[in-house]
Amino acid sequence: MPRAAATLPPVRQRPAPTRIDVDWAGVTAPVRPEGVDDAGAMALPPDPAVAGWYRLGAAPSSPEGTVVIAAHVDAVGYGTGPFAHLQDVPDGTTVTLTDAAGAATRWRITSVSMLEKQGLPWASVFRDHGPRQLVLVTCGGAFDTTTRHYESNLVITADPA
């Protein structure tokens, strides 16, 4: 039986987001690609002024899946970051992601929720299929001085505008 070399079509790399702007809150931050940390959680830039994009999920120009952008609300040595201003952002607010190619995708916020970290439905957040969606995540709620962590996460969901 003759053998033939198998060739796969090239994987289309989508440009990474490099900037986020949230109209109502005056939030603007650079965005850099992130993966997972040693504990298996999404890695974040240490500086809360810089947001992280979950590079293993959907990109802003992906035809489906969830684009996840997260940042620390604050950090020792850095102070408070721009995501600290998102807890009161109203539904309908426009979020703009600009990618490395200079293309902008616009999203409209559909929900703002403060959720206990223990019960967060992470599987529904980190998905690369299904309807296009943007999810912004930061810490919030009460700060546990023993663990030195916030007890909740602010989770903001947005649909394409």
Foldseek 3Di string as FASTA:
>chain_A
DDDDDDDDDDDDDDFAFQWKAWPPLRQIATEDEWEADPVRHTDADQAQRYKYWHRVADHLPQQFGETEIEGEQAHPPHGGYSCVSVQPDDFQTKMWTAGPVRDIWIWTWDDKDKAFPVPDPVVRRRHRHDHYKYKYKYADDDADPVVRGGGTMIIIIIHTD
